[in-house]
Amino acid sequence: MNYLMWGLIGYFIGAIPFSYILPKLKGVDVRKVGSGNVGGTNALRAAGPLFGGLSMLFDTLKALIPTLVAYQTNPNIKVAVATALGTIIGHDFPIYLGFKGGKGVAVTLGAMFVICWQCALVFLGAWFLVVALTYYVSLASLVGLFSAAIFGYFLKGETVGIPILIFAILSLLRHRSNVERLISGRERKTNIWDYVKRNR
C-alpha cells in the first residue's frame, strides 16, 4: 500500500503538464505546433529558449522533488522507484490532458538524481555528447537513458539498474515515431546552441 500511495502521489504530480502550461503563457499550444509533443524539446522549438528551458527544468523537478520526499520519508529505494515510476507515467499519460503527454526524458532525469545521481551525470554526459555530434535530441535522450541504466547496473546492481532500464524502455516506446524517422533519415535535427543564440 505504501508503494501504491507514493506511486499515485507521483502520478498526479508528474501529470502536471509544465511543457504545456508554460508555453501557453506565451500564447503557444505545443500540441498544435512542431511535433505536437508535450515535452521540453517541442516547447523549446515552439516557444523559445526561456519557456523551453523552464519547461525542461520544471519537468525535471516534478520528478526529483516527490521522489526525494518519498525517499527521505521512507529510506527505501523501492519507495523512491515507485514514486519515480508514478511521475514518469503521469508525465507520459497525464490525466489533465486526456492522457496525451510527453516522452519522459526530463522526468526520468529528475528521478535519477535521487535514485542514482551518478547515473544522472552519465545521462547528461552522453546526452550532450550525442547532441553535439549528431544534433538528434531523440537519439541523445535514448543513448543517455540506456547508458545510465547500464552504468547503474554495474555501479549498484539490479536494484538500481533494472528500474532505470524500465524507465529507458518506457521512453523508447514513447519515442517509436522518432526511431522510425531516425532509421529512415527523416528525423529532425536540432542545433540547440545556435537556436539559443538566435532566440536570445
C-alpha atoms as a PDB file:
ATOM      1  CA  MET A   1       0.000   0.000   0.000  1.00  0.00           C
ATOM      2  CA  ASN A   2       2.891   2.338   0.740  1.00  0.00           C
ATOM      3  CA  TYR A   3       4.279   1.808  -2.755  1.00  0.00           C
ATOM      4  CA  LEU A   4       0.846   2.376  -4.289  1.00  0.00           C
ATOM      5  CA  MET A   5       0.286   5.561  -2.298  1.00  0.00           C
ATOM      6  CA  TRP A   6       3.606   7.088  -3.341  1.00  0.00           C
ATOM      7  CA  GLY A   7       3.114   5.904  -6.895  1.00  0.00           C
ATOM      8  CA  LEU A   8      -0.227   7.714  -7.045  1.00  0.00           C
ATOM      9  CA  ILE A   9       1.253  10.849  -5.491  1.00  0.00           C
ATOM     10  CA  GLY A  10       3.991  10.687  -8.090  1.00  0.00           C
ATOM     11  CA  TYR A  11       1.450  10.221 -10.873  1.00  0.00           C
ATOM     12  CA  PHE A  12      -0.668  13.264 -10.077  1.00  0.00           C
ATOM     13  CA  ILE A  13       2.401  15.468  -9.653  1.00  0.00           C
ATOM     14  CA  GLY A  14       4.060  14.056 -12.755  1.00  0.00           C
ATOM     15  CA  ALA A  15       0.876  14.649 -14.738  1.00  0.00           C
ATOM     16  CA  ILE A  16       1.163  18.426 -14.275  1.00  0.00           C
ATOM     17  CA  PRO A  17       1.982  19.438 -17.886  1.00  0.00           C
ATOM     18  CA  PHE A  18       4.526  22.204 -17.405  1.00  0.00           C
ATOM     19  CA  SER A  19       5.668  21.852 -21.023  1.00  0.00           C
ATOM     20  CA  TYR A  20       2.109  22.758 -21.993  1.00  0.00           C
ATOM     21  CA  ILE A  21       1.357  25.337 -19.295  1.00  0.00           C
ATOM     22  CA  LEU A  22       4.478  27.492 -19.647  1.00  0.00           C
ATOM     23  CA  PRO A  23       4.413  27.897 -23.461  1.00  0.00           C
ATOM     24  CA  LYS A  24       0.676  28.613 -23.137  1.00  0.00           C
ATOM     25  CA  LEU A  25       1.595  31.729 -21.144  1.00  0.00           C
ATOM     26  CA  LYS A  26       3.221  32.929 -24.371  1.00  0.00           C
ATOM     27  CA  GLY A  27       0.147  32.017 -26.357  1.00  0.00           C
ATOM     28  CA  VAL A  28       1.642  28.831 -27.813  1.00  0.00           C
ATOM     29  CA  ASP A  29      -0.168  25.484 -27.711  1.00  0.00           C
ATOM     30  CA  VAL A  30       2.634  22.934 -28.111  1.00  0.00           C
ATOM     31  CA  ARG A  31       0.098  20.281 -29.083  1.00  0.00           C
ATOM     32  CA  LYS A  32      -0.615  22.177 -32.296  1.00  0.00           C
ATOM     33  CA  VAL A  33       2.898  23.118 -33.412  1.00  0.00           C
ATOM     34  CA  GLY A  34       6.115  21.288 -34.245  1.00  0.00           C
ATOM     35  CA  SER A  35       5.983  17.631 -33.293  1.00  0.00           C
ATOM     36  CA  GLY A  36       2.848  18.187 -31.204  1.00  0.00           C
ATOM     37  CA  ASN A  37       4.616  16.573 -28.267  1.00  0.00           C
ATOM     38  CA  VAL A  38       4.033  17.948 -24.771  1.00  0.00           C
ATOM     39  CA  GLY A  39       7.711  17.956 -23.866  1.00  0.00           C
ATOM     40  CA  GLY A  40      10.655  20.253 -23.323  1.00  0.00           C
ATOM     41  CA  THR A  41      12.201  19.959 -26.796  1.00  0.00           C
ATOM     42  CA  ASN A  42       8.982  20.892 -28.567  1.00  0.00           C
ATOM     43  CA  ALA A  43       8.437  23.694 -26.055  1.00  0.00           C
ATOM     44  CA  LEU A  44      11.940  24.957 -26.868  1.00  0.00           C
ATOM     45  CA  ARG A  45      11.269  24.929 -30.604  1.00  0.00           C
ATOM     46  CA  ALA A  46       7.779  26.420 -30.318  1.00  0.00           C
ATOM     47  CA  ALA A  47       8.125  28.974 -27.522  1.00  0.00           C
ATOM     48  CA  GLY A  48      11.841  29.812 -27.432  1.00  0.00           C
ATOM     49  CA  PRO A  49      14.733  29.057 -25.083  1.00  0.00           C
ATOM     50  CA  LEU A  50      13.280  30.754 -21.989  1.00  0.00           C
ATOM     51  CA  PHE A  51       9.966  28.910 -21.923  1.00  0.00           C
ATOM     52  CA  GLY A  52      11.552  25.754 -23.309  1.00  0.00           C
ATOM     53  CA  GLY A  53      14.295  25.792 -20.695  1.00  0.00           C
ATOM     54  CA  LEU A  54      11.818  26.431 -17.884  1.00  0.00           C
ATOM     55  CA  SER A  55       9.625  23.609 -19.154  1.00  0.00           C
ATOM     56  CA  MET A  56      12.560  21.202 -19.034  1.00  0.00           C
ATOM     57  CA  LEU A  57      13.539  22.436 -15.570  1.00  0.00           C
ATOM     58  CA  PHE A  58      10.051  22.077 -14.102  1.00  0.00           C
ATOM     59  CA  ASP A  59       9.556  18.682 -15.744  1.00  0.00           C
ATOM     60  CA  THR A  60      12.791  17.585 -14.066  1.00  0.00           C
ATOM     61  CA  LEU A  61      11.812  18.994 -10.684  1.00  0.00           C
ATOM     62  CA  LYS A  62       8.332  17.472 -10.713  1.00  0.00           C
ATOM     63  CA  ALA A  63      10.015  14.066 -10.538  1.00  0.00           C
ATOM     64  CA  LEU A  64      13.024  14.974  -8.431  1.00  0.00           C
ATOM     65  CA  ILE A  65      11.079  16.607  -5.584  1.00  0.00           C
ATOM     66  CA  PRO A  66       8.404  13.946  -4.904  1.00  0.00           C
ATOM     67  CA  THR A  67      10.929  11.131  -5.350  1.00  0.00           C
ATOM     68  CA  LEU A  68      13.266  12.834  -2.882  1.00  0.00           C
ATOM     69  CA  VAL A  69      10.455  13.456  -0.376  1.00  0.00           C
ATOM     70  CA  ALA A  70       9.355   9.825  -0.676  1.00  0.00           C
ATOM     71  CA  TYR A  71      12.889   8.569  -0.100  1.00  0.00           C
ATOM     72  CA  GLN A  72      13.514  10.918   2.833  1.00  0.00           C
ATOM     73  CA  THR A  73      10.211   9.877   4.408  1.00  0.00           C
ATOM     74  CA  ASN A  74      10.765   6.185   3.679  1.00  0.00           C
ATOM     75  CA  PRO A  75      14.517   5.401   3.278  1.00  0.00           C
ATOM     76  CA  ASN A  76      13.772   2.554   0.906  1.00  0.00           C
ATOM     77  CA  ILE A  77      14.955   2.609  -2.696  1.00  0.00           C
ATOM     78  CA  LYS A  78      11.824   0.708  -3.762  1.00  0.00           C
ATOM     79  CA  VAL A  79       9.595   3.503  -2.464  1.00  0.00           C
ATOM     80  CA  ALA A  80      11.672   6.019  -4.411  1.00  0.00           C
ATOM     81  CA  VAL A  81      11.388   3.866  -7.535  1.00  0.00           C
ATOM     82  CA  ALA A  82       7.610   3.546  -7.145  1.00  0.00           C
ATOM     83  CA  THR A  83       7.293   7.319  -6.824  1.00  0.00           C
ATOM     84  CA  ALA A  84       9.593   7.899  -9.789  1.00  0.00           C
ATOM     85  CA  LEU A  85       7.635   5.451 -11.925  1.00  0.00           C
ATOM     86  CA  GLY A  86       4.432   7.261 -10.990  1.00  0.00           C
ATOM     87  CA  THR A  87       5.811  10.625 -12.067  1.00  0.00           C
ATOM     88  CA  ILE A  88       7.042   9.214 -15.378  1.00  0.00           C
ATOM     89  CA  ILE A  89       3.705   7.563 -16.159  1.00  0.00           C
ATOM     90  CA  GLY A  90       1.940  10.766 -15.109  1.00  0.00           C
ATOM     91  CA  HIS A  91       4.102  12.816 -17.470  1.00  0.00           C
ATOM     92  CA  ASP A  92       3.655  10.372 -20.352  1.00  0.00           C
ATOM     93  CA  PHE A  93      -0.095   9.914 -19.797  1.00  0.00           C
ATOM     94  CA  PRO A  94      -1.386  12.995 -17.921  1.00  0.00           C
ATOM     95  CA  ILE A  95      -4.974  12.830 -16.759  1.00  0.00           C
ATOM     96  CA  TYR A  96      -5.174  16.615 -17.132  1.00  0.00           C
ATOM     97  CA  LEU A  97      -4.547  16.466 -20.919  1.00  0.00           C
ATOM     98  CA  GLY A  98      -6.555  13.436 -21.902  1.00  0.00           C
ATOM     99  CA  PHE A  99      -3.599  11.092 -21.234  1.00  0.00           C
ATOM    100  CA  LYS A 100      -1.564  12.607 -24.082  1.00  0.00           C
ATOM    101  CA  GLY A 101       1.778  13.722 -22.676  1.00  0.00           C
ATOM    102  CA  GLY A 102       5.499  13.779 -23.268  1.00  0.00           C
ATOM    103  CA  LYS A 103       8.215  11.186 -23.676  1.00  0.00           C
ATOM    104  CA  GLY A 104       9.513  11.029 -20.130  1.00  0.00           C
ATOM    105  CA  VAL A 105      13.119  12.135 -20.552  1.00  0.00           C
ATOM    106  CA  ALA A 106      13.293  15.124 -18.205  1.00  0.00           C
ATOM    107  CA  VAL A 107      11.203  13.431 -15.511  1.00  0.00           C
ATOM    108  CA  THR A 108      13.391  10.328 -15.695  1.00  0.00           C
ATOM    109  CA  LEU A 109      16.452  12.513 -15.267  1.00  0.00           C
ATOM    110  CA  GLY A 110      14.906  14.164 -12.212  1.00  0.00           C
ATOM    111  CA  ALA A 111      14.126  10.792 -10.669  1.00  0.00           C
ATOM    112  CA  MET A 112      17.639   9.520 -11.381  1.00  0.00           C
ATOM    113  CA  PHE A 113      19.168  12.358  -9.382  1.00  0.00           C
ATOM    114  CA  VAL A 114      17.547  10.753  -6.320  1.00  0.00           C
ATOM    115  CA  ILE A 115      17.845   7.060  -7.185  1.00  0.00           C
ATOM    116  CA  CYS A 116      21.396   7.249  -8.548  1.00  0.00           C
ATOM    117  CA  TRP A 117      22.886  10.703  -9.031  1.00  0.00           C
ATOM    118  CA  GLN A 118      25.933   9.229 -10.744  1.00  0.00           C
ATOM    119  CA  CYS A 119      23.602   7.707 -13.354  1.00  0.00           C
ATOM    120  CA  ALA A 120      22.058  11.128 -13.914  1.00  0.00           C
ATOM    121  CA  LEU A 121      25.513  12.544 -14.629  1.00  0.00           C
ATOM    122  CA  VAL A 122      26.215   9.701 -17.071  1.00  0.00           C
ATOM    123  CA  PHE A 123      22.946  10.519 -18.829  1.00  0.00           C
ATOM    124  CA  LEU A 124      23.855  14.207 -19.106  1.00  0.00           C
ATOM    125  CA  GLY A 125      27.336  13.422 -20.397  1.00  0.00           C
ATOM    126  CA  ALA A 126      26.035  11.041 -23.051  1.00  0.00           C
ATOM    127  CA  TRP A 127      23.182  13.392 -23.974  1.00  0.00           C
ATOM    128  CA  PHE A 128      25.418  16.418 -24.533  1.00  0.00           C
ATOM    129  CA  LEU A 129      27.961  14.344 -26.471  1.00  0.00           C
ATOM    130  CA  VAL A 130      25.399  12.832 -28.850  1.00  0.00           C
ATOM    131  CA  VAL A 131      23.591  16.142 -29.366  1.00  0.00           C
ATOM    132  CA  ALA A 132      26.900  17.872 -30.114  1.00  0.00           C
ATOM    133  CA  LEU A 133      27.880  15.186 -32.636  1.00  0.00           C
ATOM    134  CA  THR A 134      24.553  14.465 -34.330  1.00  0.00           C
ATOM    135  CA  TYR A 135      22.039  17.220 -33.416  1.00  0.00           C
ATOM    136  CA  TYR A 136      19.457  14.484 -32.806  1.00  0.00           C
ATOM    137  CA  VAL A 137      17.828  15.156 -29.421  1.00  0.00           C
ATOM    138  CA  SER A 138      15.784  11.954 -29.543  1.00  0.00           C
ATOM    139  CA  LEU A 139      18.858   9.808 -30.196  1.00  0.00           C
ATOM    140  CA  ALA A 140      20.783  11.609 -27.460  1.00  0.00           C
ATOM    141  CA  SER A 141      17.960  11.002 -24.985  1.00  0.00           C
ATOM    142  CA  LEU A 142      17.758   7.284 -25.711  1.00  0.00           C
ATOM    143  CA  VAL A 143      21.525   6.768 -25.699  1.00  0.00           C
ATOM    144  CA  GLY A 144      21.717   8.697 -22.429  1.00  0.00           C
ATOM    145  CA  LEU A 145      18.959   6.689 -20.745  1.00  0.00           C
ATOM    146  CA  PHE A 146      20.276   3.268 -21.713  1.00  0.00           C
ATOM    147  CA  SER A 147      23.844   4.310 -20.845  1.00  0.00           C
ATOM    148  CA  ALA A 148      22.611   5.369 -17.410  1.00  0.00           C
ATOM    149  CA  ALA A 149      20.822   2.035 -16.960  1.00  0.00           C
ATOM    150  CA  ILE A 150      23.932   0.023 -17.834  1.00  0.00           C
ATOM    151  CA  PHE A 151      26.102   2.204 -15.605  1.00  0.00           C
ATOM    152  CA  GLY A 152      23.594   1.916 -12.745  1.00  0.00           C
ATOM    153  CA  TYR A 153      23.591  -1.864 -13.011  1.00  0.00           C
ATOM    154  CA  PHE A 154      27.376  -2.118 -12.756  1.00  0.00           C
ATOM    155  CA  LEU A 155      27.570   0.553 -10.057  1.00  0.00           C
ATOM    156  CA  LYS A 156      24.753  -0.531  -7.749  1.00  0.00           C
ATOM    157  CA  GLY A 157      23.385  -3.757  -9.144  1.00  0.00           C
ATOM    158  CA  GLU A 158      19.918  -4.686 -10.323  1.00  0.00           C
ATOM    159  CA  THR A 159      18.183  -2.722  -7.555  1.00  0.00           C
ATOM    160  CA  VAL A 160      19.095   0.444  -9.443  1.00  0.00           C
ATOM    161  CA  GLY A 161      19.966  -0.803 -12.920  1.00  0.00           C
ATOM    162  CA  ILE A 162      16.683  -2.628 -13.595  1.00  0.00           C
ATOM    163  CA  PRO A 163      14.383   0.294 -12.645  1.00  0.00           C
ATOM    164  CA  ILE A 164      16.364   2.725 -14.795  1.00  0.00           C
ATOM    165  CA  LEU A 165      16.271   0.193 -17.638  1.00  0.00           C
ATOM    166  CA  ILE A 166      12.483   0.059 -17.270  1.00  0.00           C
ATOM    167  CA  PHE A 167      12.346   3.869 -17.365  1.00  0.00           C
ATOM    168  CA  ALA A 168      14.508   3.821 -20.510  1.00  0.00           C
ATOM    169  CA  ILE A 169      12.261   1.245 -22.189  1.00  0.00           C
ATOM    170  CA  LEU A 170       9.183   3.348 -21.379  1.00  0.00           C
ATOM    171  CA  SER A 171      10.852   6.328 -23.031  1.00  0.00           C
ATOM    172  CA  LEU A 172      11.874   4.183 -26.011  1.00  0.00           C
ATOM    173  CA  LEU A 173       8.234   3.188 -26.508  1.00  0.00           C
ATOM    174  CA  ARG A 174       7.252   6.867 -26.409  1.00  0.00           C
ATOM    175  CA  HIS A 175       9.982   7.576 -28.991  1.00  0.00           C
ATOM    176  CA  ARG A 176       8.730   4.982 -31.506  1.00  0.00           C
ATOM    177  CA  SER A 177       7.999   7.544 -34.218  1.00  0.00           C
ATOM    178  CA  ASN A 178      11.384   9.193 -33.649  1.00  0.00           C
ATOM    179  CA  VAL A 179      13.156   5.858 -34.005  1.00  0.00           C
ATOM    180  CA  GLU A 180      11.325   5.212 -37.272  1.00  0.00           C
ATOM    181  CA  ARG A 181      12.379   8.632 -38.566  1.00  0.00           C
ATOM    182  CA  LEU A 182      15.956   8.078 -37.425  1.00  0.00           C
ATOM    183  CA  ILE A 183      16.098   4.809 -39.340  1.00  0.00           C
ATOM    184  CA  SER A 184      14.604   6.394 -42.459  1.00  0.00           C
ATOM    185  CA  GLY A 185      16.747   9.547 -42.198  1.00  0.00           C
ATOM    186  CA  ARG A 186      13.742  11.831 -41.689  1.00  0.00           C
ATOM    187  CA  GLU A 187      14.308  12.763 -38.030  1.00  0.00           C
ATOM    188  CA  ARG A 188      14.540  16.498 -37.407  1.00  0.00           C
ATOM    189  CA  LYS A 189      17.884  17.829 -36.234  1.00  0.00           C
ATOM    190  CA  THR A 190      18.060  20.497 -33.535  1.00  0.00           C
ATOM    191  CA  ASN A 191      21.170  22.624 -33.119  1.00  0.00           C
ATOM    192  CA  ILE A 192      20.304  23.751 -29.615  1.00  0.00           C
ATOM    193  CA  TRP A 193      23.328  26.002 -29.231  1.00  0.00           C
ATOM    194  CA  ASP A 194      22.646  28.018 -32.399  1.00  0.00           C
ATOM    195  CA  TYR A 195      18.943  28.041 -31.615  1.00  0.00           C
ATOM    196  CA  VAL A 196      19.531  29.607 -28.209  1.00  0.00           C
ATOM    197  CA  LYS A 197      21.880  32.218 -29.712  1.00  0.00           C
ATOM    198  CA  ARG A 198      19.346  33.184 -32.388  1.00  0.00           C
ATOM    199  CA  ASN A 199      16.495  33.479 -29.915  1.00  0.00           C
ATOM    200  CA  ARG A 200      18.088  35.460 -27.102  1.00  0.00           C
END
